[in-house]
Amino acid sequence: MRSATEFNEAVDTLFGQVVEIIDTTEAADDIELNQGVLEITCVNRSKIIINRHAPTQEVWVAAKSGGYHFKWADGTWTDTRSGEALSDAISRVLFEQSGIRVAFDQASM
């Protein structure tokens, strides 16, 4: 387990990477980061919410297809149920909601 500071720094870096990558595409009309919550408004006005959950040191993703919890394990954020990498999950839900494929580098996330 990381310290609270390490966890928050890791999530801040993660959010920065997500914003930077999505900003280079047309998958989202708007991206807002406010108090640890990243809100992505897709081109069809649907939303994807990514937030940190400090008590469990997880990153949570809420999308039309469901809610997902990711924990840091073996160098990557991994879904606690399916084992899917966070980079793959964000790419998948963005495609499902925007119709635009966005690639995220798993190694940097």
Protein backbone atom coordinates (compact mmCIF):
# COMPACT_ATOMS: atom_id res chain seq x y z
CA MET A 1 0.00 0.00 0.00
CA ARG A 2 1.20 3.52 -0.78
CA SER A 3 1.17 6.45 1.56
CA ALA A 4 -1.74 8.88 1.09
CA THR A 5 0.65 11.38 -0.49
CA GLU A 6 2.04 8.80 -2.93
CA PHE A 7 -1.46 7.67 -3.87
CA ASN A 8 -2.65 11.23 -4.52
CA GLU A 9 0.45 12.06 -6.55
CA ALA A 10 0.00 8.90 -8.65
CA VAL A 11 -3.65 9.71 -9.32
CA ASP A 12 -2.83 13.34 -10.15
CA THR A 13 -0.30 12.09 -12.71
CA LEU A 14 -2.82 9.61 -14.09
CA PHE A 15 -5.50 12.28 -14.47
CA GLY A 16 -3.01 14.56 -16.23
CA GLN A 17 -2.17 11.80 -18.70
CA VAL A 18 -5.83 11.05 -19.40
CA VAL A 19 -6.63 14.72 -20.00
CA GLU A 20 -3.58 15.18 -22.24
CA ILE A 21 -4.47 12.19 -24.43
CA ILE A 22 -8.19 12.93 -24.71
CA ASP A 23 -7.44 16.57 -25.55
CA THR A 24 -5.67 15.38 -28.73
CA THR A 25 -8.85 13.65 -29.94
CA GLU A 26 -12.43 14.57 -30.73
CA ALA A 27 -13.90 11.98 -28.32
CA ALA A 28 -14.90 14.58 -25.73
CA ASP A 29 -16.58 17.95 -25.86
CA ASP A 30 -15.35 18.85 -22.39
CA ILE A 31 -13.03 17.55 -19.68
CA GLU A 32 -13.17 19.01 -16.19
CA LEU A 33 -11.00 18.16 -13.21
CA ASN A 34 -12.44 19.40 -9.96
CA GLN A 35 -11.50 18.26 -6.44
CA GLY A 36 -10.21 14.86 -7.47
CA VAL A 37 -13.00 14.09 -9.92
CA LEU A 38 -12.37 13.95 -13.66
CA GLU A 39 -15.58 14.46 -15.64
CA ILE A 40 -15.46 13.67 -19.35
CA THR A 41 -18.39 14.85 -21.46
CA CYS A 42 -18.47 12.86 -24.68
CA VAL A 43 -19.56 14.25 -28.03
CA ASN A 44 -23.04 12.75 -27.54
CA ARG A 45 -23.31 14.55 -24.14
CA SER A 46 -22.98 11.32 -22.12
CA LYS A 47 -20.49 11.43 -19.26
CA ILE A 48 -17.67 9.33 -17.91
CA ILE A 49 -16.62 10.09 -14.35
CA ILE A 50 -13.22 9.07 -13.02
CA ASN A 51 -12.44 9.74 -9.40
CA ARG A 52 -10.03 8.78 -6.68
CA HIS A 53 -11.26 6.84 -3.69
CA ALA A 54 -8.59 7.50 -1.08
CA PRO A 55 -9.87 5.18 1.71
CA THR A 56 -9.36 2.11 -0.50
CA GLN A 57 -6.62 3.66 -2.68
CA GLU A 58 -8.63 2.93 -5.78
CA VAL A 59 -9.57 4.80 -8.93
CA TRP A 60 -13.27 4.50 -9.75
CA VAL A 61 -14.77 4.85 -13.22
CA ALA A 62 -18.48 5.41 -13.82
CA ALA A 63 -19.71 4.99 -17.39
CA LYS A 64 -22.94 4.03 -19.15
CA SER A 65 -21.77 0.41 -19.14
CA GLY A 66 -21.25 0.32 -15.36
CA GLY A 67 -18.98 1.18 -12.48
CA TYR A 68 -15.41 -0.08 -12.23
CA HIS A 69 -12.83 -0.04 -9.43
CA PHE A 70 -9.09 -0.08 -10.14
CA LYS A 71 -6.27 -0.83 -7.72
CA TRP A 72 -2.54 -0.40 -8.28
CA ALA A 73 -0.99 -3.87 -8.72
CA ASP A 74 2.17 -5.07 -10.43
CA GLY A 75 2.86 -1.67 -12.00
CA THR A 76 -0.59 -0.94 -13.43
CA TRP A 77 -4.08 0.10 -12.39
CA THR A 78 -6.14 -3.09 -12.61
CA ASP A 79 -9.90 -3.68 -12.32
CA THR A 80 -10.56 -5.42 -9.02
CA ARG A 81 -13.14 -7.75 -10.60
CA SER A 82 -12.19 -8.39 -14.22
CA GLY A 83 -8.45 -7.71 -14.17
CA GLU A 84 -8.81 -5.27 -17.09
CA ALA A 85 -6.17 -2.54 -17.20
CA LEU A 86 -7.43 1.00 -16.56
CA SER A 87 -5.93 2.17 -19.86
CA ASP A 88 -7.98 -0.45 -21.73
CA ALA A 89 -11.13 0.31 -19.75
CA ILE A 90 -10.99 4.05 -20.42
CA SER A 91 -10.35 3.39 -24.10
CA ARG A 92 -13.29 0.96 -24.20
CA VAL A 93 -15.84 3.17 -22.43
CA LEU A 94 -14.81 6.20 -24.50
CA PHE A 95 -15.39 4.19 -27.67
CA GLU A 96 -18.72 2.86 -26.38
CA GLN A 97 -19.92 6.37 -25.57
CA SER A 98 -18.30 8.49 -28.27
CA GLY A 99 -17.69 6.07 -31.15
CA ILE A 100 -14.10 7.32 -31.30
CA ARG A 101 -11.15 5.07 -30.52
CA VAL A 102 -8.61 6.57 -28.14
CA ALA A 103 -5.42 4.69 -27.33
CA PHE A 104 -3.82 4.97 -23.92
CA ASP A 105 -0.33 3.68 -23.22
CA GLN A 106 -0.74 1.04 -20.52
CA ALA A 107 2.92 1.32 -19.57
CA SER A 108 2.52 4.97 -18.58
CA MET A 109 -0.77 4.48 -16.75
